């Protein structure tokens, strides 16, 4: 695997959704490539930062207590919906 190929797969690598063979090649590449390790570290840091910002901005949000039940009824198959 080369740097260009690794960058193509970086998000799948982070999500742990790569095929085993490709993941193994990526890990071998990362062992020898400081540039790609740095890129991976930056993407991980960006993900942590976004996650923290989302948590801060949504921490005070709340849903109407009956919303969950209304959504469940709305998406239930027609034959199971109460009439």
N, C-alpha and C. Protein backbone atom coordinates (compact mmCIF):
# COMPACT_ATOMS: atom_id res chain seq x y z
N UNK A 1 0.85 -1.17 0.00
CA UNK A 1 0.00 0.00 0.00
C UNK A 1 0.90 1.23 0.00
N UNK A 2 0.47 2.26 -0.74
CA UNK A 2 1.21 3.51 -0.74
C UNK A 2 0.36 4.59 -0.05
N UNK A 3 0.93 5.79 0.06
CA UNK A 3 0.25 6.88 0.77
C UNK A 3 -1.08 7.25 0.12
N UNK A 4 -1.10 7.33 -1.20
CA UNK A 4 -2.33 7.70 -1.90
C UNK A 4 -3.44 6.69 -1.61
N UNK A 5 -3.10 5.43 -1.65
CA UNK A 5 -4.09 4.37 -1.36
C UNK A 5 -4.55 4.44 0.09
N UNK A 6 -3.59 4.65 1.01
CA UNK A 6 -3.97 4.75 2.42
C UNK A 6 -4.95 5.90 2.64
N UNK A 7 -4.67 7.06 2.04
CA UNK A 7 -5.55 8.21 2.22
C UNK A 7 -6.95 7.93 1.66
N UNK A 8 -7.03 7.09 0.65
CA UNK A 8 -8.32 6.70 0.10
C UNK A 8 -9.13 5.91 1.13
N UNK A 9 -8.44 5.13 1.96
CA UNK A 9 -9.10 4.24 2.92
C UNK A 9 -9.09 4.76 4.36
N UNK A 10 -8.58 5.97 4.60
CA UNK A 10 -8.37 6.41 5.98
C UNK A 10 -9.65 6.40 6.82
N UNK A 11 -10.77 6.81 6.26
CA UNK A 11 -12.00 6.86 7.06
C UNK A 11 -12.54 5.47 7.35
N UNK A 12 -12.45 4.58 6.38
CA UNK A 12 -12.85 3.20 6.64
C UNK A 12 -11.93 2.56 7.66
N UNK A 13 -10.64 2.92 7.62
CA UNK A 13 -9.70 2.41 8.62
C UNK A 13 -10.12 2.89 10.01
N UNK A 14 -10.43 4.17 10.13
CA UNK A 14 -10.85 4.71 11.41
C UNK A 14 -12.16 4.09 11.90
N UNK A 15 -13.06 3.80 10.98
CA UNK A 15 -14.35 3.20 11.34
C UNK A 15 -14.24 1.70 11.55
N UNK A 16 -13.07 1.14 11.28
CA UNK A 16 -12.82 -0.31 11.38
C UNK A 16 -13.78 -1.10 10.50
N UNK A 17 -13.95 -0.61 9.26
CA UNK A 17 -14.84 -1.28 8.32
C UNK A 17 -14.11 -1.82 7.10
N UNK A 18 -12.78 -1.80 7.16
CA UNK A 18 -12.00 -2.31 6.03
C UNK A 18 -11.99 -3.83 6.00
N UNK A 19 -11.91 -4.36 4.81
CA UNK A 19 -11.66 -5.78 4.62
C UNK A 19 -10.35 -6.13 5.35
N UNK A 20 -10.28 -7.31 5.92
CA UNK A 20 -9.10 -7.71 6.71
C UNK A 20 -7.80 -7.57 5.94
N UNK A 21 -7.80 -7.97 4.70
CA UNK A 21 -6.57 -7.93 3.90
C UNK A 21 -6.12 -6.48 3.67
N UNK A 22 -7.08 -5.60 3.39
CA UNK A 22 -6.73 -4.19 3.17
C UNK A 22 -6.28 -3.56 4.48
N UNK A 23 -6.95 -3.90 5.57
CA UNK A 23 -6.56 -3.37 6.87
C UNK A 23 -5.14 -3.80 7.22
N UNK A 24 -4.81 -5.03 6.94
CA UNK A 24 -3.46 -5.53 7.23
C UNK A 24 -2.43 -4.75 6.41
N UNK A 25 -2.73 -4.49 5.15
CA UNK A 25 -1.82 -3.71 4.31
C UNK A 25 -1.69 -2.29 4.83
N UNK A 26 -2.80 -1.71 5.29
CA UNK A 26 -2.76 -0.35 5.84
C UNK A 26 -1.89 -0.31 7.09
N UNK A 27 -2.01 -1.31 7.93
CA UNK A 27 -1.23 -1.34 9.17
C UNK A 27 0.26 -1.50 8.88
N UNK A 28 0.60 -2.31 7.89
CA UNK A 28 2.00 -2.43 7.49
C UNK A 28 2.50 -1.08 6.97
N UNK A 29 1.69 -0.43 6.16
CA UNK A 29 2.07 0.88 5.63
C UNK A 29 2.27 1.88 6.77
N UNK A 30 1.36 1.89 7.73
CA UNK A 30 1.45 2.83 8.84
C UNK A 30 2.71 2.62 9.67
N UNK A 31 3.15 1.39 9.79
CA UNK A 31 4.37 1.11 10.56
C UNK A 31 5.58 1.82 9.96
N UNK A 32 5.60 1.97 8.65
CA UNK A 32 6.75 2.56 8.00
C UNK A 32 6.55 3.97 7.48
N UNK A 33 5.39 4.57 7.69
CA UNK A 33 5.11 5.88 7.09
C UNK A 33 4.66 6.88 8.16
N UNK A 34 5.59 7.71 8.56
CA UNK A 34 5.29 8.73 9.57
C UNK A 34 4.27 9.74 9.06
N UNK A 35 4.29 10.03 7.78
CA UNK A 35 3.35 10.98 7.19
C UNK A 35 1.91 10.48 7.33
N UNK A 36 1.67 9.23 7.01
CA UNK A 36 0.32 8.68 7.11
C UNK A 36 -0.10 8.50 8.56
N UNK A 37 0.84 8.17 9.45
CA UNK A 37 0.51 8.11 10.87
C UNK A 37 0.07 9.49 11.36
N UNK A 38 0.76 10.53 10.90
CA UNK A 38 0.38 11.90 11.27
C UNK A 38 -1.00 12.25 10.75
N UNK A 39 -1.26 11.88 9.49
CA UNK A 39 -2.58 12.15 8.91
C UNK A 39 -3.66 11.42 9.69
N UNK A 40 -3.40 10.19 10.06
CA UNK A 40 -4.36 9.40 10.84
C UNK A 40 -4.59 10.06 12.19
N UNK A 41 -3.52 10.49 12.85
CA UNK A 41 -3.65 11.17 14.14
C UNK A 41 -4.48 12.45 14.01
N UNK A 42 -4.27 13.21 12.94
CA UNK A 42 -5.03 14.45 12.74
C UNK A 42 -6.51 14.15 12.51
N UNK A 43 -6.81 13.12 11.74
CA UNK A 43 -8.22 12.76 11.51
C UNK A 43 -8.88 12.29 12.80
N UNK A 44 -8.15 11.54 13.61
CA UNK A 44 -8.69 11.09 14.89
C UNK A 44 -8.95 12.28 15.81
N UNK A 45 -8.02 13.23 15.84
CA UNK A 45 -8.19 14.42 16.67
C UNK A 45 -9.38 15.25 16.19
N UNK A 46 -9.53 15.38 14.88
CA UNK A 46 -10.67 16.12 14.33
C UNK A 46 -11.98 15.44 14.72
N UNK A 47 -12.02 14.13 14.65
CA UNK A 47 -13.22 13.38 15.04
C UNK A 47 -13.55 13.58 16.51
N UNK A 48 -12.53 13.54 17.36
CA UNK A 48 -12.76 13.76 18.79
C UNK A 48 -13.27 15.18 19.04
N UNK A 49 -12.70 16.14 18.34
CA UNK A 49 -13.12 17.53 18.51
C UNK A 49 -14.57 17.73 18.06
N UNK A 50 -14.92 17.17 16.92
CA UNK A 50 -16.30 17.28 16.44
C UNK A 50 -17.28 16.60 17.38
N UNK A 51 -16.89 15.42 17.87
CA UNK A 51 -17.76 14.69 18.80
C UNK A 51 -17.99 15.51 20.07
N UNK A 52 -16.93 16.11 20.61
CA UNK A 52 -17.05 16.90 21.82
C UNK A 52 -17.91 18.14 21.57
N UNK A 53 -17.73 18.79 20.42
CA UNK A 53 -18.53 19.97 20.10
C UNK A 53 -20.00 19.61 19.96
N UNK A 54 -20.28 18.49 19.33
CA UNK A 54 -21.67 18.04 19.18
C UNK A 54 -22.28 17.74 20.54
N UNK A 55 -21.52 17.08 21.39
CA UNK A 55 -22.04 16.77 22.72
C UNK A 55 -22.32 18.04 23.51
N UNK A 56 -21.41 19.02 23.42
CA UNK A 56 -21.63 20.29 24.14
C UNK A 56 -22.86 21.02 23.61
N UNK A 57 -23.00 21.03 22.29
CA UNK A 57 -24.10 21.81 21.72
C UNK A 57 -25.46 21.11 21.85
N UNK A 58 -25.48 19.84 22.11
CA UNK A 58 -26.75 19.13 22.23
C UNK A 58 -27.06 18.67 23.65
N UNK A 59 -26.17 18.94 24.58
CA UNK A 59 -26.34 18.45 25.95
C UNK A 59 -27.63 18.95 26.59
N UNK A 60 -28.05 20.15 26.26
CA UNK A 60 -29.24 20.72 26.91
C UNK A 60 -30.52 20.43 26.14
N UNK A 61 -30.43 19.74 25.03
CA UNK A 61 -31.64 19.43 24.27
C UNK A 61 -32.42 18.31 24.92
N UNK A 62 -33.72 18.39 24.79
CA UNK A 62 -34.56 17.30 25.29
C UNK A 62 -35.74 17.13 24.33
N UNK A 63 -36.28 15.95 24.32
CA UNK A 63 -37.41 15.65 23.45
C UNK A 63 -38.67 15.55 24.28
N UNK A 64 -39.76 15.86 23.64
CA UNK A 64 -41.06 15.69 24.26
C UNK A 64 -41.20 14.24 24.68
N UNK A 65 -41.65 13.98 25.91
CA UNK A 65 -41.73 12.59 26.40
C UNK A 65 -42.53 11.64 25.51
N UNK A 66 -43.54 12.11 24.81
CA UNK A 66 -44.36 11.23 23.99
C UNK A 66 -43.84 11.06 22.57
N UNK A 67 -42.77 11.75 22.21
CA UNK A 67 -42.28 11.70 20.85
C UNK A 67 -41.85 10.30 20.42
N UNK A 68 -41.16 9.59 21.27
CA UNK A 68 -40.69 8.25 20.93
C UNK A 68 -41.87 7.35 20.54
N UNK A 69 -42.92 7.36 21.33
CA UNK A 69 -44.09 6.52 21.04
C UNK A 69 -44.77 6.94 19.73
N UNK A 70 -44.87 8.24 19.48
CA UNK A 70 -45.50 8.70 18.24
C UNK A 70 -44.67 8.28 17.03
N UNK A 71 -43.37 8.36 17.11
CA UNK A 71 -42.51 7.93 16.00
C UNK A 71 -42.65 6.43 15.79
N UNK A 72 -42.65 5.67 16.84
CA UNK A 72 -42.79 4.22 16.72
C UNK A 72 -44.12 3.84 16.06
N UNK A 73 -45.19 4.53 16.45
CA UNK A 73 -46.48 4.26 15.82
C UNK A 73 -46.48 4.64 14.35
N UNK A 74 -45.82 5.74 14.02
CA UNK A 74 -45.79 6.22 12.64
C UNK A 74 -45.00 5.30 11.72
N UNK A 75 -43.98 4.64 12.24
CA UNK A 75 -43.16 3.79 11.38
C UNK A 75 -43.54 2.31 11.46
N UNK A 76 -44.48 1.99 12.33
CA UNK A 76 -44.92 0.59 12.44
C UNK A 76 -45.60 0.16 11.15
N UNK A 77 -45.41 -1.09 10.78
CA UNK A 77 -46.13 -1.59 9.59
C UNK A 77 -47.62 -1.39 9.74
N UNK A 78 -48.32 -1.13 8.62
CA UNK A 78 -49.76 -0.82 8.66
C UNK A 78 -50.57 -1.90 9.37
N UNK A 79 -50.20 -3.17 9.17
CA UNK A 79 -51.00 -4.24 9.79
C UNK A 79 -50.85 -4.25 11.31
N UNK A 80 -49.82 -3.62 11.84
CA UNK A 80 -49.63 -3.59 13.29
C UNK A 80 -50.08 -2.29 13.90
N UNK A 81 -50.48 -1.32 13.09
CA UNK A 81 -50.90 -0.04 13.62
C UNK A 81 -52.26 -0.15 14.27
N UNK A 82 -52.40 0.51 15.42
CA UNK A 82 -53.73 0.51 16.05
C UNK A 82 -54.71 1.33 15.22
N UNK A 83 -55.94 0.90 15.18
CA UNK A 83 -56.96 1.62 14.40
C UNK A 83 -57.87 2.39 15.28
